[in-house]
Amino acid sequence: MPPLPQRILVAGTSGAGKTTLAGRVSAVLGLPYTELDSLFHGPGWTPRPEFEEDVRAVAAQEAWVSEWQYAVVRPLLLERAEVLVWLDLPVPVVLWQVLCRTLYRRWRRVELWNGNIEPPLWTVLTADDHILRWAWKTRYKNRGLDEYLAAQAPHVRVVRLRSRREVDRWVTELAEQADLSSR
């Protein structure tokens, strides 16, 4: 049985479920999880100047789970990652997930990071960076990711999941492997 990975990235477009899956993997394996959005977004949605330094500290740890996002820090994480789980879900599924998440967060006024909440829904019409518009614009950004990773990070094992069922099956298998290795 191969050893369980200790440094895991979760990739996918906005709304694919990166944060949710990273949290599940963290819980199953007992690894620390760092949400990159919490390091990036300061109060008022302003980027935190310490972001790169904070990510560098996370990447230097022996064990972690995080999302693979923010181009400026992707190489730092990828260099040390052992596994990258790619959520390659169908576009309609992802757009539905991001819509439901956004509506829920806005309606419930869920605090996200450093006091930030989702902006009013009408801003989807005016703000180019509104999460719903962003999800639509970037829905195909990971095309060719497997080839990129093969060239840039051949040491990283890629797990490509194309449905929620595959995600659940993979997490179950990971939990079973973790259980077997703890005996």
N, C-alpha and C. Protein backbone atom coordinates (compact mmCIF):
# COMPACT_ATOMS: atom_id res chain seq x y z
N MET A 1 0.85 -1.18 0.00
CA MET A 1 0.00 0.00 0.00
C MET A 1 0.90 1.24 0.00
N PRO A 2 0.68 2.17 -0.93
CA PRO A 2 1.51 3.38 -0.96
C PRO A 2 1.23 4.24 0.27
N PRO A 3 2.22 4.99 0.69
CA PRO A 3 1.99 5.86 1.86
C PRO A 3 0.95 6.94 1.53
N LEU A 4 0.24 7.35 2.55
CA LEU A 4 -0.76 8.41 2.36
C LEU A 4 -0.05 9.73 2.08
N PRO A 5 -0.57 10.52 1.16
CA PRO A 5 0.07 11.81 0.86
C PRO A 5 -0.05 12.75 2.07
N GLN A 6 0.94 13.59 2.19
CA GLN A 6 0.98 14.56 3.30
C GLN A 6 0.80 16.00 2.85
N ARG A 7 0.91 16.24 1.54
CA ARG A 7 0.74 17.60 1.00
C ARG A 7 -0.15 17.50 -0.23
N ILE A 8 -1.37 18.02 -0.06
CA ILE A 8 -2.41 17.81 -1.07
C ILE A 8 -3.01 19.15 -1.49
N LEU A 9 -3.11 19.31 -2.81
CA LEU A 9 -3.77 20.48 -3.38
C LEU A 9 -5.08 20.06 -4.03
N VAL A 10 -6.05 20.97 -4.00
CA VAL A 10 -7.32 20.74 -4.69
C VAL A 10 -7.50 21.86 -5.70
N ALA A 11 -7.62 21.48 -6.97
CA ALA A 11 -7.76 22.45 -8.06
C ALA A 11 -9.16 22.37 -8.64
N GLY A 12 -9.59 23.44 -9.25
CA GLY A 12 -10.88 23.50 -9.92
C GLY A 12 -11.26 24.95 -10.15
N THR A 13 -12.26 25.14 -10.96
CA THR A 13 -12.72 26.50 -11.22
C THR A 13 -13.50 27.03 -10.02
N SER A 14 -13.80 28.32 -10.03
CA SER A 14 -14.59 28.92 -8.96
C SER A 14 -15.94 28.21 -8.87
N GLY A 15 -16.26 27.75 -7.67
CA GLY A 15 -17.53 27.08 -7.45
C GLY A 15 -17.49 25.58 -7.62
N ALA A 16 -16.34 25.02 -7.98
CA ALA A 16 -16.26 23.57 -8.21
C ALA A 16 -16.32 22.77 -6.91
N GLY A 17 -15.98 23.42 -5.79
CA GLY A 17 -16.00 22.72 -4.51
C GLY A 17 -14.63 22.48 -3.92
N LYS A 18 -13.66 23.30 -4.31
CA LYS A 18 -12.28 23.13 -3.83
C LYS A 18 -12.22 23.19 -2.30
N THR A 19 -12.81 24.21 -1.73
CA THR A 19 -12.75 24.41 -0.29
C THR A 19 -13.44 23.28 0.45
N THR A 20 -14.60 22.88 -0.03
CA THR A 20 -15.34 21.79 0.61
C THR A 20 -14.53 20.49 0.57
N LEU A 21 -13.99 20.15 -0.60
CA LEU A 21 -13.21 18.92 -0.71
C LEU A 21 -11.93 19.00 0.11
N ALA A 22 -11.26 20.12 0.10
CA ALA A 22 -10.03 20.26 0.89
C ALA A 22 -10.33 20.05 2.38
N GLY A 23 -11.45 20.57 2.84
CA GLY A 23 -11.85 20.36 4.24
C GLY A 23 -12.13 18.90 4.53
N ARG A 24 -12.78 18.21 3.61
CA ARG A 24 -13.07 16.79 3.79
C ARG A 24 -11.77 15.97 3.83
N VAL A 25 -10.86 16.27 2.92
CA VAL A 25 -9.58 15.54 2.88
C VAL A 25 -8.80 15.79 4.17
N SER A 26 -8.80 17.02 4.62
CA SER A 26 -8.13 17.37 5.86
C SER A 26 -8.68 16.56 7.04
N ALA A 27 -10.01 16.46 7.11
CA ALA A 27 -10.64 15.72 8.20
C ALA A 27 -10.33 14.22 8.11
N VAL A 28 -10.39 13.67 6.90
CA VAL A 28 -10.16 12.23 6.71
C VAL A 28 -8.73 11.85 7.07
N LEU A 29 -7.78 12.67 6.67
CA LEU A 29 -6.37 12.33 6.89
C LEU A 29 -5.77 12.95 8.15
N GLY A 30 -6.51 13.85 8.79
CA GLY A 30 -5.99 14.52 9.98
C GLY A 30 -4.85 15.47 9.68
N LEU A 31 -4.91 16.08 8.50
CA LEU A 31 -3.88 17.03 8.10
C LEU A 31 -4.38 18.46 8.27
N PRO A 32 -3.48 19.41 8.56
CA PRO A 32 -3.93 20.80 8.68
C PRO A 32 -4.38 21.35 7.33
N TYR A 33 -5.44 22.13 7.36
CA TYR A 33 -6.01 22.73 6.16
C TYR A 33 -5.90 24.24 6.25
N THR A 34 -5.43 24.86 5.18
CA THR A 34 -5.37 26.31 5.09
C THR A 34 -6.17 26.76 3.88
N GLU A 35 -7.16 27.59 4.11
CA GLU A 35 -7.98 28.14 3.03
C GLU A 35 -7.27 29.37 2.48
N LEU A 36 -6.86 29.31 1.22
CA LEU A 36 -6.08 30.41 0.64
C LEU A 36 -6.86 31.72 0.60
N ASP A 37 -8.17 31.65 0.38
CA ASP A 37 -8.95 32.89 0.37
C ASP A 37 -8.82 33.64 1.70
N SER A 38 -8.71 32.92 2.80
CA SER A 38 -8.59 33.58 4.11
C SER A 38 -7.25 34.28 4.26
N LEU A 39 -6.25 33.81 3.54
CA LEU A 39 -4.95 34.47 3.57
C LEU A 39 -4.89 35.64 2.59
N PHE A 40 -5.65 35.55 1.52
CA PHE A 40 -5.59 36.57 0.47
C PHE A 40 -6.44 37.80 0.79
N HIS A 41 -7.68 37.58 1.23
CA HIS A 41 -8.63 38.69 1.40
C HIS A 41 -8.51 39.34 2.77
N GLY A 42 -8.15 40.62 2.75
CA GLY A 42 -8.17 41.40 3.97
C GLY A 42 -9.52 42.09 4.10
N PRO A 43 -9.68 42.91 5.14
CA PRO A 43 -10.94 43.64 5.30
C PRO A 43 -11.26 44.48 4.05
N GLY A 44 -12.54 44.56 3.72
CA GLY A 44 -12.96 45.32 2.54
C GLY A 44 -12.52 44.67 1.24
N TRP A 45 -12.29 43.37 1.27
CA TRP A 45 -11.88 42.60 0.09
C TRP A 45 -10.54 43.06 -0.48
N THR A 46 -9.72 43.71 0.32
CA THR A 46 -8.41 44.15 -0.17
C THR A 46 -7.39 43.02 -0.02
N PRO A 47 -6.53 42.85 -0.99
CA PRO A 47 -5.49 41.81 -0.86
C PRO A 47 -4.57 42.12 0.32
N ARG A 48 -4.24 41.09 1.07
CA ARG A 48 -3.33 41.24 2.19
C ARG A 48 -1.90 41.24 1.69
N PRO A 49 -1.08 42.21 2.11
CA PRO A 49 0.30 42.27 1.64
C PRO A 49 1.13 41.07 2.09
N GLU A 50 0.72 40.39 3.15
CA GLU A 50 1.47 39.24 3.67
C GLU A 50 1.12 37.93 2.97
N PHE A 51 0.25 37.99 1.99
CA PHE A 51 -0.28 36.78 1.36
C PHE A 51 0.81 35.81 0.91
N GLU A 52 1.73 36.26 0.08
CA GLU A 52 2.77 35.36 -0.44
C GLU A 52 3.63 34.78 0.67
N GLU A 53 3.97 35.61 1.64
CA GLU A 53 4.78 35.15 2.77
C GLU A 53 4.02 34.09 3.57
N ASP A 54 2.72 34.30 3.79
CA ASP A 54 1.91 33.33 4.52
C ASP A 54 1.82 32.01 3.76
N VAL A 55 1.64 32.07 2.45
CA VAL A 55 1.56 30.84 1.66
C VAL A 55 2.90 30.13 1.65
N ARG A 56 3.96 30.87 1.59
CA ARG A 56 5.30 30.26 1.64
C ARG A 56 5.48 29.49 2.95
N ALA A 57 4.98 30.04 4.05
CA ALA A 57 5.07 29.35 5.35
C ALA A 57 4.22 28.08 5.35
N VAL A 58 3.05 28.14 4.75
CA VAL A 58 2.20 26.94 4.65
C VAL A 58 2.91 25.87 3.83
N ALA A 59 3.43 26.25 2.68
CA ALA A 59 4.08 25.29 1.78
C ALA A 59 5.30 24.65 2.43
N ALA A 60 5.96 25.35 3.33
CA ALA A 60 7.16 24.83 3.99
C ALA A 60 6.85 23.77 5.04
N GLN A 61 5.60 23.67 5.46
CA GLN A 61 5.23 22.68 6.48
C GLN A 61 5.34 21.27 5.90
N GLU A 62 5.47 20.31 6.80
CA GLU A 62 5.60 18.92 6.37
C GLU A 62 4.28 18.33 5.87
N ALA A 63 3.17 18.84 6.38
CA ALA A 63 1.87 18.28 5.98
C ALA A 63 0.86 19.41 5.87
N TRP A 64 0.03 19.34 4.81
CA TRP A 64 -1.01 20.35 4.61
C TRP A 64 -1.96 19.94 3.49
N VAL A 65 -3.11 20.60 3.53
CA VAL A 65 -4.10 20.51 2.46
C VAL A 65 -4.49 21.95 2.15
N SER A 66 -4.59 22.28 0.86
CA SER A 66 -5.02 23.62 0.47
C SER A 66 -5.56 23.60 -0.95
N GLU A 67 -6.07 24.73 -1.37
CA GLU A 67 -6.55 24.87 -2.74
C GLU A 67 -5.40 25.34 -3.62
N TRP A 68 -5.49 24.99 -4.89
CA TRP A 68 -4.49 25.44 -5.86
C TRP A 68 -5.11 26.58 -6.64
N GLN A 69 -4.90 27.77 -6.16
CA GLN A 69 -5.42 28.97 -6.81
C GLN A 69 -4.45 30.12 -6.57
N TYR A 70 -4.75 31.26 -7.15
CA TYR A 70 -3.89 32.45 -7.08
C TYR A 70 -2.56 32.17 -7.79
N ALA A 71 -2.48 32.57 -9.01
CA ALA A 71 -1.34 32.27 -9.88
C ALA A 71 0.01 32.61 -9.24
N VAL A 72 0.06 33.67 -8.47
CA VAL A 72 1.33 34.11 -7.90
C VAL A 72 1.91 33.09 -6.92
N VAL A 73 1.07 32.27 -6.28
CA VAL A 73 1.58 31.32 -5.29
C VAL A 73 1.46 29.85 -5.73
N ARG A 74 0.87 29.63 -6.87
CA ARG A 74 0.73 28.24 -7.34
C ARG A 74 2.06 27.51 -7.40
N PRO A 75 3.11 28.12 -7.96
CA PRO A 75 4.40 27.40 -8.02
C PRO A 75 4.95 27.02 -6.64
N LEU A 76 4.74 27.87 -5.63
CA LEU A 76 5.21 27.57 -4.27
C LEU A 76 4.57 26.29 -3.74
N LEU A 77 3.27 26.18 -3.97
CA LEU A 77 2.53 25.02 -3.48
C LEU A 77 2.81 23.78 -4.32
N LEU A 78 2.85 23.96 -5.61
CA LEU A 78 3.05 22.83 -6.52
C LEU A 78 4.41 22.18 -6.32
N GLU A 79 5.41 22.99 -6.01
CA GLU A 79 6.76 22.47 -5.81
C GLU A 79 6.81 21.41 -4.71
N ARG A 80 6.00 21.59 -3.68
CA ARG A 80 6.05 20.67 -2.53
C ARG A 80 4.89 19.68 -2.49
N ALA A 81 3.89 19.87 -3.34
CA ALA A 81 2.72 18.99 -3.31
C ALA A 81 3.09 17.58 -3.74
N GLU A 82 2.35 16.63 -3.18
CA GLU A 82 2.49 15.23 -3.59
C GLU A 82 1.33 14.81 -4.48
N VAL A 83 0.16 15.34 -4.19
CA VAL A 83 -1.06 15.00 -4.93
C VAL A 83 -1.81 16.29 -5.25
N LEU A 84 -2.35 16.35 -6.45
CA LEU A 84 -3.25 17.43 -6.83
C LEU A 84 -4.56 16.78 -7.28
N VAL A 85 -5.62 17.11 -6.57
CA VAL A 85 -6.94 16.60 -6.91
C VAL A 85 -7.62 17.65 -7.77
N TRP A 86 -7.96 17.28 -8.97
CA TRP A 86 -8.54 18.21 -9.94
C TRP A 86 -10.04 17.96 -10.03
N LEU A 87 -10.81 18.92 -9.55
CA LEU A 87 -12.26 18.87 -9.68
C LEU A 87 -12.62 19.39 -11.06
N ASP A 88 -12.85 18.47 -11.97
CA ASP A 88 -13.17 18.81 -13.36
C ASP A 88 -14.64 18.48 -13.62
N LEU A 89 -15.51 19.17 -12.88
CA LEU A 89 -16.94 18.91 -12.96
C LEU A 89 -17.55 19.61 -14.17
N PRO A 90 -18.71 19.12 -14.64
CA PRO A 90 -19.37 19.78 -15.77
C PRO A 90 -19.72 21.24 -15.44
N VAL A 91 -19.62 22.09 -16.45
CA VAL A 91 -19.88 23.52 -16.26
C VAL A 91 -21.25 23.78 -15.63
N PRO A 92 -22.33 23.16 -16.08
CA PRO A 92 -23.62 23.44 -15.44
C PRO A 92 -23.64 23.12 -13.94
N VAL A 93 -22.96 22.06 -13.55
CA VAL A 93 -22.89 21.70 -12.14
C VAL A 93 -22.17 22.78 -11.35
N VAL A 94 -21.04 23.22 -11.86
CA VAL A 94 -20.23 24.24 -11.17
C VAL A 94 -21.01 25.55 -11.08
N LEU A 95 -21.63 25.97 -12.17
CA LEU A 95 -22.37 27.23 -12.15
C LEU A 95 -23.55 27.16 -11.19
N TRP A 96 -24.22 26.04 -11.12
CA TRP A 96 -25.32 25.87 -10.17
C TRP A 96 -24.79 25.94 -8.74
N GLN A 97 -23.67 25.27 -8.48
CA GLN A 97 -23.08 25.30 -7.13
C GLN A 97 -22.69 26.71 -6.71
N VAL A 98 -22.05 27.45 -7.61
CA VAL A 98 -21.62 28.80 -7.23
C VAL A 98 -22.82 29.73 -7.07
N LEU A 99 -23.86 29.53 -7.85
CA LEU A 99 -25.08 30.34 -7.69
C LEU A 99 -25.73 30.06 -6.34
N CYS A 100 -25.92 28.80 -6.02
CA CYS A 100 -26.55 28.44 -4.74
C CYS A 100 -25.72 28.92 -3.56
N ARG A 101 -24.41 28.74 -3.65
CA ARG A 101 -23.52 29.18 -2.57
C ARG A 101 -23.61 30.69 -2.38
N THR A 102 -23.57 31.42 -3.49
CA THR A 102 -23.60 32.88 -3.42
C THR A 102 -24.93 33.37 -2.85
N LEU A 103 -26.02 32.81 -3.32
CA LEU A 103 -27.33 33.21 -2.80
C LEU A 103 -27.44 32.92 -1.30
N TYR A 104 -27.00 31.75 -0.89
CA TYR A 104 -27.04 31.39 0.53
C TYR A 104 -26.20 32.35 1.37
N ARG A 105 -24.98 32.57 0.94
CA ARG A 105 -24.08 33.44 1.70
C ARG A 105 -24.62 34.86 1.80
N ARG A 106 -25.17 35.35 0.70
CA ARG A 106 -25.70 36.71 0.72
C ARG A 106 -26.95 36.80 1.58
N TRP A 107 -27.85 35.86 1.41
CA TRP A 107 -29.10 35.88 2.16
C TRP A 107 -28.84 35.76 3.65
N ARG A 108 -27.89 34.87 4.04
CA ARG A 108 -27.58 34.65 5.45
C ARG A 108 -26.52 35.62 5.98
N ARG A 109 -25.96 36.43 5.08
CA ARG A 109 -24.92 37.39 5.45
C ARG A 109 -23.76 36.68 6.16
N VAL A 110 -23.33 35.59 5.55
CA VAL A 110 -22.25 34.76 6.09
C VAL A 110 -20.94 35.53 6.00
N GLU A 111 -20.26 35.65 7.13
CA GLU A 111 -18.94 36.28 7.10
C GLU A 111 -17.95 35.29 6.49
N LEU A 112 -17.23 35.76 5.49
CA LEU A 112 -16.30 34.89 4.78
C LEU A 112 -14.90 35.02 5.38
N TRP A 113 -14.19 36.07 5.07
CA TRP A 113 -12.82 36.23 5.56
C TRP A 113 -12.63 37.67 5.99
N ASN A 114 -12.10 37.82 7.19
CA ASN A 114 -11.72 39.14 7.71
C ASN A 114 -12.86 40.14 7.64
N GLY A 115 -14.06 39.69 7.99
CA GLY A 115 -15.22 40.57 8.05
C GLY A 115 -15.95 40.77 6.74
N ASN A 116 -15.50 40.15 5.67
CA ASN A 116 -16.14 40.32 4.36
C ASN A 116 -17.38 39.46 4.22
N ILE A 117 -18.38 39.99 3.52
CA ILE A 117 -19.57 39.23 3.16
C ILE A 117 -19.80 39.39 1.66
N GLU A 118 -20.63 38.50 1.11
CA GLU A 118 -20.95 38.61 -0.32
C GLU A 118 -21.59 39.97 -0.58
N PRO A 119 -21.25 40.61 -1.69
CA PRO A 119 -21.84 41.91 -2.01
C PRO A 119 -23.32 41.74 -2.41
N PRO A 120 -24.06 42.83 -2.47
CA PRO A 120 -25.46 42.73 -2.90
C PRO A 120 -25.55 42.03 -4.26
N LEU A 121 -26.62 41.29 -4.44
CA LEU A 121 -26.78 40.50 -5.65
C LEU A 121 -26.80 41.34 -6.92
N TRP A 122 -27.34 42.55 -6.83
CA TRP A 122 -27.43 43.38 -8.03
C TRP A 122 -26.05 43.73 -8.59
N THR A 123 -24.98 43.61 -7.76
CA THR A 123 -23.64 43.95 -8.24
C THR A 123 -23.14 42.98 -9.30
N VAL A 124 -23.82 41.86 -9.47
CA VAL A 124 -23.44 40.95 -10.56
C VAL A 124 -23.57 41.66 -11.91
N LEU A 125 -24.42 42.67 -11.97
CA LEU A 125 -24.62 43.43 -13.20
C LEU A 125 -23.55 44.50 -13.43
N THR A 126 -22.86 44.89 -12.38
CA THR A 126 -21.94 46.01 -12.50
C THR A 126 -20.48 45.69 -12.19
N ALA A 127 -20.23 44.67 -11.41
CA ALA A 127 -18.87 44.37 -10.97
C ALA A 127 -18.27 43.24 -11.79
N ASP A 128 -17.22 43.54 -12.54
CA ASP A 128 -16.57 42.53 -13.37
C ASP A 128 -16.03 41.36 -12.55
N ASP A 129 -15.66 41.62 -11.29
CA ASP A 129 -15.08 40.56 -10.47
C ASP A 129 -16.11 39.90 -9.55
N HIS A 130 -17.40 40.16 -9.76
CA HIS A 130 -18.41 39.47 -8.97
C HIS A 130 -18.23 37.97 -9.17
N ILE A 131 -18.38 37.20 -8.12
CA ILE A 131 -18.08 35.77 -8.19
C ILE A 131 -18.88 35.05 -9.26
N LEU A 132 -20.12 35.43 -9.49
CA LEU A 132 -20.91 34.77 -10.54
C LEU A 132 -20.36 35.06 -11.93
N ARG A 133 -19.97 36.30 -12.15
CA ARG A 133 -19.36 36.64 -13.44
C ARG A 133 -17.99 35.99 -13.58
N TRP A 134 -17.25 35.99 -12.50
CA TRP A 134 -15.92 35.39 -12.51
C TRP A 134 -16.01 33.90 -12.82
N ALA A 135 -16.97 33.21 -12.20
CA ALA A 135 -17.14 31.78 -12.45
C ALA A 135 -17.46 31.52 -13.93
N TRP A 136 -18.27 32.39 -14.50
CA TRP A 136 -18.61 32.22 -15.92
C TRP A 136 -17.39 32.47 -16.81
N LYS A 137 -16.66 33.54 -16.53
CA LYS A 137 -15.50 33.90 -17.36
C LYS A 137 -14.38 32.86 -17.28
N THR A 138 -14.25 32.23 -16.13
CA THR A 138 -13.12 31.32 -15.93
C THR A 138 -13.53 29.85 -15.98
N ARG A 139 -14.69 29.56 -16.50
CA ARG A 139 -15.23 28.19 -16.46
C ARG A 139 -14.36 27.18 -17.21
N TYR A 140 -13.55 27.63 -18.15
CA TYR A 140 -12.70 26.70 -18.90
C TYR A 140 -11.21 26.90 -18.62
N LYS A 141 -10.88 27.59 -17.56
CA LYS A 141 -9.48 27.96 -17.32
C LYS A 141 -8.56 26.77 -17.08
N ASN A 142 -9.09 25.63 -16.71
CA ASN A 142 -8.23 24.49 -16.42
C ASN A 142 -8.07 23.52 -17.58
N ARG A 143 -8.55 23.92 -18.75
CA ARG A 143 -8.31 23.07 -19.92
C ARG A 143 -6.81 22.88 -20.09
N GLY A 144 -6.41 21.65 -20.30
CA GLY A 144 -4.99 21.36 -20.47
C GLY A 144 -4.21 21.27 -19.18
N LEU A 145 -4.89 21.24 -18.05
CA LEU A 145 -4.19 21.19 -16.77
C LEU A 145 -3.34 19.93 -16.63
N ASP A 146 -3.85 18.81 -17.11
CA ASP A 146 -3.08 17.58 -17.00
C ASP A 146 -1.76 17.66 -17.75
N GLU A 147 -1.77 18.25 -18.96
CA GLU A 147 -0.53 18.40 -19.71
C GLU A 147 0.42 19.38 -19.02
N TYR A 148 -0.13 20.47 -18.49
CA TYR A 148 0.68 21.45 -17.77
C TYR A 148 1.39 20.80 -16.57
N LEU A 149 0.62 20.04 -15.80
CA LEU A 149 1.19 19.42 -14.61
C LEU A 149 2.23 18.36 -14.98
N ALA A 150 1.98 17.62 -16.05
CA ALA A 150 2.96 16.61 -16.49
C ALA A 150 4.29 17.27 -16.84
N ALA A 151 4.23 18.46 -17.42
CA ALA A 151 5.45 19.16 -17.82
C ALA A 151 6.10 19.92 -16.66
N GLN A 152 5.28 20.57 -15.83
CA GLN A 152 5.80 21.45 -14.78
C GLN A 152 6.04 20.75 -13.44
N ALA A 153 5.29 19.69 -13.18
CA ALA A 153 5.39 19.04 -11.87
C ALA A 153 5.20 17.54 -12.01
N PRO A 154 6.12 16.87 -12.68
CA PRO A 154 5.95 15.42 -12.89
C PRO A 154 5.95 14.61 -11.59
N HIS A 155 6.42 15.22 -10.50
CA HIS A 155 6.44 14.53 -9.21
C HIS A 155 5.07 14.48 -8.55
N VAL A 156 4.12 15.25 -9.05
CA VAL A 156 2.79 15.35 -8.44
C VAL A 156 1.85 14.34 -9.09
N ARG A 157 1.21 13.52 -8.25
CA ARG A 157 0.19 12.59 -8.75
C ARG A 157 -1.11 13.36 -8.91
N VAL A 158 -1.72 13.27 -10.06
CA VAL A 158 -2.97 13.98 -10.35
C VAL A 158 -4.14 13.02 -10.25
N VAL A 159 -5.14 13.43 -9.49
CA VAL A 159 -6.39 12.68 -9.37
C VAL A 159 -7.47 13.57 -9.99
N ARG A 160 -8.00 13.16 -11.13
CA ARG A 160 -8.99 13.96 -11.85
C ARG A 160 -10.38 13.38 -11.58
N LEU A 161 -11.24 14.20 -10.99
CA LEU A 161 -12.59 13.78 -10.62
C LEU A 161 -13.59 14.59 -11.44
N ARG A 162 -14.50 13.88 -12.11
CA ARG A 162 -15.40 14.55 -13.06
C ARG A 162 -16.86 14.58 -12.63
N SER A 163 -17.18 14.09 -11.45
CA SER A 163 -18.56 14.14 -10.97
C SER A 163 -18.55 14.14 -9.45
N ARG A 164 -19.68 14.50 -8.86
CA ARG A 164 -19.79 14.44 -7.39
C ARG A 164 -19.65 13.01 -6.92
N ARG A 165 -20.20 12.07 -7.69
CA ARG A 165 -20.09 10.66 -7.33
C ARG A 165 -18.62 10.24 -7.28
N GLU A 166 -17.83 10.64 -8.26
CA GLU A 166 -16.40 10.31 -8.23
C GLU A 166 -15.71 10.95 -7.04
N VAL A 167 -16.10 12.17 -6.70
CA VAL A 167 -15.51 12.84 -5.53
C VAL A 167 -15.81 12.04 -4.27
N ASP A 168 -17.07 11.67 -4.08
CA ASP A 168 -17.44 10.92 -2.89
C ASP A 168 -16.74 9.57 -2.83
N ARG A 169 -16.65 8.89 -3.96
CA ARG A 169 -15.98 7.58 -4.02
C ARG A 169 -14.50 7.74 -3.66
N TRP A 170 -13.86 8.77 -4.19
CA TRP A 170 -12.44 8.97 -3.92
C TRP A 170 -12.20 9.26 -2.44
N VAL A 171 -13.04 10.12 -1.84
CA VAL A 171 -12.88 10.43 -0.41
C VAL A 171 -13.10 9.18 0.44
N THR A 172 -14.07 8.36 0.06
CA THR A 172 -14.32 7.11 0.78
C THR A 172 -13.11 6.19 0.69
N GLU A 173 -12.54 6.06 -0.49
CA GLU A 173 -11.34 5.22 -0.67
C GLU A 173 -10.16 5.77 0.13
N LEU A 174 -10.02 7.09 0.16
CA LEU A 174 -8.95 7.71 0.93
C LEU A 174 -9.14 7.43 2.42
N ALA A 175 -10.38 7.51 2.90
CA ALA A 175 -10.67 7.23 4.31
C ALA A 175 -10.37 5.77 4.64
N GLU A 176 -10.71 4.86 3.72
CA GLU A 176 -10.42 3.44 3.94
C GLU A 176 -8.93 3.20 3.99
N GLN A 177 -8.19 3.85 3.10
CA GLN A 177 -6.74 3.70 3.11
C GLN A 177 -6.15 4.26 4.40
N ALA A 178 -6.67 5.40 4.86
CA ALA A 178 -6.18 5.99 6.11
C ALA A 178 -6.48 5.07 7.29
N ASP A 179 -7.65 4.46 7.27
CA ASP A 179 -8.02 3.53 8.34
C ASP A 179 -7.11 2.31 8.36
N LEU A 180 -6.83 1.77 7.16
CA LEU A 180 -5.95 0.59 7.07
C LEU A 180 -4.53 0.93 7.54
N SER A 181 -4.06 2.11 7.18
CA SER A 181 -2.67 2.47 7.53
C SER A 181 -2.52 2.79 9.01
N SER A 182 -3.62 3.08 9.68
CA SER A 182 -3.53 3.39 11.12
C SER A 182 -3.57 2.14 11.97
N ARG A 183 -3.84 0.99 11.37
CA ARG A 183 -3.92 -0.28 12.13
C ARG A 183 -2.55 -0.85 12.40
